Amino acid sequence: MSLFIPADYAMVCPNCEEAFIAKHLNTRYCSKACKIWANNLKARQAVKKQQNFHALNDTLAKNRTILRGYRHGQIVHQDALQQQGYDFRYMTYQTEIEGVPCFVCYDTGYQIADKAKKMAKIIHFKNAEIDNDKFTN
């Protein structure tokens, strides 16, 4: 009596990368321990991704709050924004107004007013007369 195992049942565990013989074609892991470990890892990664999203959103909200503290059209030194905690790396999108780049956090942004002096012009989009077609992504 020969025992024949179809080649389709020879598997490699995606967790530990060990070869094993599966009893069923839909078996993915070599053991329950590997399956649990892989599922826990996936859950931890999902939580971390959600935490990263919340941290990013908090940074954007903080940037918006700082910009909203100034009047529309007000000229501000970029160092003053940075001292308040503004993080220039984060914005919701970038556009142009009359050919000048505008860096936006939700509904508020800034334009570079004087690059050499590091001056920024604050823009509140509810107050600005801007063509809405420029803001479609």
C-alpha atoms as a PDB file:
ATOM      1  CA  MET A   1       0.000   0.000   0.000  1.00  0.00           C
ATOM      2  CA  SER A   2       1.499   3.312  -1.071  1.00  0.00           C
ATOM      3  CA  LEU A   3       0.559   6.575   0.478  1.00  0.00           C
ATOM      4  CA  PHE A   4       0.203   9.258  -2.191  1.00  0.00           C
ATOM      5  CA  ILE A   5      -0.142  12.901  -1.149  1.00  0.00           C
ATOM      6  CA  PRO A   6      -1.020  15.300  -3.967  1.00  0.00           C
ATOM      7  CA  ALA A   7       1.527  18.071  -4.636  1.00  0.00           C
ATOM      8  CA  ASP A   8      -1.215  20.678  -4.068  1.00  0.00           C
ATOM      9  CA  TYR A   9      -1.177  19.796  -0.366  1.00  0.00           C
ATOM     10  CA  ALA A  10       2.511  20.609   0.078  1.00  0.00           C
ATOM     11  CA  MET A  11       2.507  24.114   1.555  1.00  0.00           C
ATOM     12  CA  VAL A  12       4.846  26.708   3.020  1.00  0.00           C
ATOM     13  CA  CYS A  13       3.684  28.480   6.167  1.00  0.00           C
ATOM     14  CA  PRO A  14       3.558  32.259   5.498  1.00  0.00           C
ATOM     15  CA  ASN A  15       4.438  32.883   9.138  1.00  0.00           C
ATOM     16  CA  CYS A  16       7.448  30.664   9.887  1.00  0.00           C
ATOM     17  CA  GLU A  17       8.222  29.796   6.243  1.00  0.00           C
ATOM     18  CA  GLU A  18       8.484  26.085   7.078  1.00  0.00           C
ATOM     19  CA  ALA A  19       7.289  23.499   4.563  1.00  0.00           C
ATOM     20  CA  PHE A  20       4.420  21.304   5.753  1.00  0.00           C
ATOM     21  CA  ILE A  21       1.811  18.918   4.433  1.00  0.00           C
ATOM     22  CA  ALA A  22      -1.696  20.341   4.699  1.00  0.00           C
ATOM     23  CA  LYS A  23      -4.714  18.153   5.389  1.00  0.00           C
ATOM     24  CA  HIS A  24      -6.945  20.547   3.438  1.00  0.00           C
ATOM     25  CA  LEU A  25      -6.288  22.806   0.472  1.00  0.00           C
ATOM     26  CA  ASN A  26      -7.479  25.883   2.340  1.00  0.00           C
ATOM     27  CA  THR A  27      -4.984  25.393   5.196  1.00  0.00           C
ATOM     28  CA  ARG A  28      -2.492  28.264   5.239  1.00  0.00           C
ATOM     29  CA  TYR A  29      -0.477  27.807   8.442  1.00  0.00           C
ATOM     30  CA  CYS A  30       1.532  24.851   9.702  1.00  0.00           C
ATOM     31  CA  SER A  31       0.039  25.008  13.197  1.00  0.00           C
ATOM     32  CA  LYS A  32      -2.527  26.790  15.342  1.00  0.00           C
ATOM     33  CA  ALA A  33       0.297  28.640  17.076  1.00  0.00           C
ATOM     34  CA  CYS A  34       1.528  30.087  13.746  1.00  0.00           C
ATOM     35  CA  LYS A  35      -2.001  31.072  12.779  1.00  0.00           C
ATOM     36  CA  ILE A  36      -2.595  32.831  16.112  1.00  0.00           C
ATOM     37  CA  TRP A  37       0.785  34.570  15.944  1.00  0.00           C
ATOM     38  CA  ALA A  38       0.111  35.792  12.380  1.00  0.00           C
ATOM     39  CA  ASN A  39      -3.389  37.029  13.249  1.00  0.00           C
ATOM     40  CA  ASN A  40      -2.091  38.846  16.334  1.00  0.00           C
ATOM     41  CA  LEU A  41       0.618  40.488  14.237  1.00  0.00           C
ATOM     42  CA  LYS A  42      -1.985  41.581  11.681  1.00  0.00           C
ATOM     43  CA  ALA A  43      -4.150  43.039  14.473  1.00  0.00           C
ATOM     44  CA  ARG A  44      -1.181  44.902  15.997  1.00  0.00           C
ATOM     45  CA  GLN A  45      -0.311  46.355  12.581  1.00  0.00           C
ATOM     46  CA  ALA A  46      -3.914  47.512  12.106  1.00  0.00           C
ATOM     47  CA  VAL A  47      -3.878  49.241  15.501  1.00  0.00           C
ATOM     48  CA  LYS A  48      -0.529  50.887  14.741  1.00  0.00           C
ATOM     49  CA  LYS A  49      -1.819  52.070  11.366  1.00  0.00           C
ATOM     50  CA  GLN A  50      -4.882  53.573  13.047  1.00  0.00           C
ATOM     51  CA  GLN A  51      -2.688  55.266  15.685  1.00  0.00           C
ATOM     52  CA  ASN A  52      -0.476  56.699  12.921  1.00  0.00           C
ATOM     53  CA  PHE A  53      -3.564  58.031  11.154  1.00  0.00           C
ATOM     54  CA  HIS A  54      -4.788  59.704  14.358  1.00  0.00           C
ATOM     55  CA  ALA A  55      -1.345  61.201  15.012  1.00  0.00           C
ATOM     56  CA  LEU A  56      -1.238  62.582  11.460  1.00  0.00           C
ATOM     57  CA  ASN A  57      -4.738  64.001  11.787  1.00  0.00           C
ATOM     58  CA  ASP A  58      -3.807  65.596  15.141  1.00  0.00           C
ATOM     59  CA  THR A  59      -0.771  67.250  13.527  1.00  0.00           C
ATOM     60  CA  LEU A  60      -2.881  68.581  10.652  1.00  0.00           C
ATOM     61  CA  ALA A  61      -5.517  69.877  13.080  1.00  0.00           C
ATOM     62  CA  LYS A  62      -2.811  71.604  15.128  1.00  0.00           C
ATOM     63  CA  ASN A  63      -1.397  73.216  11.968  1.00  0.00           C
ATOM     64  CA  ARG A  64      -4.881  74.436  11.033  1.00  0.00           C
ATOM     65  CA  THR A  65      -5.497  75.842  14.521  1.00  0.00           C
ATOM     66  CA  ILE A  66      -2.222  77.775  14.405  1.00  0.00           C
ATOM     67  CA  LEU A  67      -3.034  79.237  10.982  1.00  0.00           C
ATOM     68  CA  ARG A  68      -6.610  80.093  12.063  1.00  0.00           C
ATOM     69  CA  GLY A  69      -5.095  82.213  14.854  1.00  0.00           C
ATOM     70  CA  TYR A  70      -4.134  84.793  12.229  1.00  0.00           C
ATOM     71  CA  ARG A  71      -6.271  87.074  10.081  1.00  0.00           C
ATOM     72  CA  HIS A  72      -6.841  86.370   6.395  1.00  0.00           C
ATOM     73  CA  GLY A  73      -4.066  88.078   4.435  1.00  0.00           C
ATOM     74  CA  GLN A  74      -1.853  88.635   7.483  1.00  0.00           C
ATOM     75  CA  ILE A  75       1.902  88.326   6.856  1.00  0.00           C
ATOM     76  CA  VAL A  76       3.673  86.136   9.437  1.00  0.00           C
ATOM     77  CA  HIS A  77       7.271  85.054   9.854  1.00  0.00           C
ATOM     78  CA  GLN A  78       7.615  81.282   9.362  1.00  0.00           C
ATOM     79  CA  ASP A  79       9.708  81.027  12.543  1.00  0.00           C
ATOM     80  CA  ALA A  80       6.729  82.398  14.524  1.00  0.00           C
ATOM     81  CA  LEU A  81       4.553  79.618  13.109  1.00  0.00           C
ATOM     82  CA  GLN A  82       7.205  77.019  13.924  1.00  0.00           C
ATOM     83  CA  GLN A  83       7.595  78.326  17.494  1.00  0.00           C
ATOM     84  CA  GLN A  84       3.868  77.746  18.003  1.00  0.00           C
ATOM     85  CA  GLY A  85       4.326  74.147  16.896  1.00  0.00           C
ATOM     86  CA  TYR A  86       3.469  74.387  13.195  1.00  0.00           C
ATOM     87  CA  ASP A  87       4.939  71.436  11.293  1.00  0.00           C
ATOM     88  CA  PHE A  88       5.721  72.479   7.715  1.00  0.00           C
ATOM     89  CA  ARG A  89       6.028  68.858   6.576  1.00  0.00           C
ATOM     90  CA  TYR A  90       2.267  68.236   6.845  1.00  0.00           C
ATOM     91  CA  MET A  91      -0.556  69.684   4.751  1.00  0.00           C
ATOM     92  CA  THR A  92      -3.775  68.330   3.303  1.00  0.00           C
ATOM     93  CA  TYR A  93      -2.963  69.532  -0.201  1.00  0.00           C
ATOM     94  CA  GLN A  94      -1.042  72.093  -2.233  1.00  0.00           C
ATOM     95  CA  THR A  95      -2.458  74.374  -4.910  1.00  0.00           C
ATOM     96  CA  GLU A  96      -1.676  77.650  -6.644  1.00  0.00           C
ATOM     97  CA  ILE A  97      -3.375  81.004  -6.303  1.00  0.00           C
ATOM     98  CA  GLU A  98      -2.457  83.467  -9.064  1.00  0.00           C
ATOM     99  CA  GLY A  99       0.631  81.369  -9.856  1.00  0.00           C
ATOM    100  CA  VAL A 100       1.925  81.325  -6.267  1.00  0.00           C
ATOM    101  CA  PRO A 101       2.034  77.970  -4.419  1.00  0.00           C
ATOM    102  CA  CYS A 102      -0.361  77.690  -1.487  1.00  0.00           C
ATOM    103  CA  PHE A 103       0.064  75.060   1.242  1.00  0.00           C
ATOM    104  CA  VAL A 104      -3.284  74.119   2.777  1.00  0.00           C
ATOM    105  CA  CYS A 105      -4.460  72.440   5.995  1.00  0.00           C
ATOM    106  CA  TYR A 106      -8.169  71.746   5.512  1.00  0.00           C
ATOM    107  CA  ASP A 107      -9.652  75.221   4.875  1.00  0.00           C
ATOM    108  CA  THR A 108      -6.692  77.384   5.869  1.00  0.00           C
ATOM    109  CA  GLY A 109      -3.259  77.753   4.372  1.00  0.00           C
ATOM    110  CA  TYR A 110      -0.368  80.001   3.601  1.00  0.00           C
ATOM    111  CA  GLN A 111       1.564  81.312   0.638  1.00  0.00           C
ATOM    112  CA  ILE A 112       5.209  82.276   0.626  1.00  0.00           C
ATOM    113  CA  ALA A 113       5.095  86.079   0.713  1.00  0.00           C
ATOM    114  CA  ASP A 114       8.871  86.632   0.797  1.00  0.00           C
ATOM    115  CA  LYS A 115      11.112  83.582   0.484  1.00  0.00           C
ATOM    116  CA  ALA A 116      14.313  85.395   1.487  1.00  0.00           C
ATOM    117  CA  LYS A 117      12.761  86.800   4.682  1.00  0.00           C
ATOM    118  CA  LYS A 118      10.761  83.587   5.358  1.00  0.00           C
ATOM    119  CA  MET A 119       7.462  85.434   5.414  1.00  0.00           C
ATOM    120  CA  ALA A 120       4.115  83.665   4.874  1.00  0.00           C
ATOM    121  CA  LYS A 121       0.738  85.130   3.910  1.00  0.00           C
ATOM    122  CA  ILE A 122      -2.189  83.472   5.708  1.00  0.00           C
ATOM    123  CA  ILE A 123      -5.150  82.401   3.552  1.00  0.00           C
ATOM    124  CA  HIS A 124      -8.588  81.494   4.973  1.00  0.00           C
ATOM    125  CA  PHE A 125     -10.466  79.946   2.074  1.00  0.00           C
ATOM    126  CA  LYS A 126     -13.929  80.858   3.354  1.00  0.00           C
ATOM    127  CA  ASN A 127     -12.868  84.516   3.077  1.00  0.00           C
ATOM    128  CA  ALA A 128     -10.778  84.276  -0.091  1.00  0.00           C
ATOM    129  CA  GLU A 129     -12.317  84.777  -3.510  1.00  0.00           C
ATOM    130  CA  ILE A 130     -10.919  81.689  -5.216  1.00  0.00           C
ATOM    131  CA  ASP A 131     -12.153  79.572  -8.100  1.00  0.00           C
ATOM    132  CA  ASN A 132     -13.349  76.248  -6.574  1.00  0.00           C
ATOM    133  CA  ASP A 133     -12.151  74.319  -9.647  1.00  0.00           C
ATOM    134  CA  LYS A 134      -8.589  74.786  -8.413  1.00  0.00           C
ATOM    135  CA  PHE A 135      -9.298  72.684  -5.338  1.00  0.00           C
ATOM    136  CA  THR A 136     -10.595  69.488  -6.915  1.00  0.00           C
ATOM    137  CA  ASN A 137      -8.238  66.578  -6.444  1.00  0.00           C
END
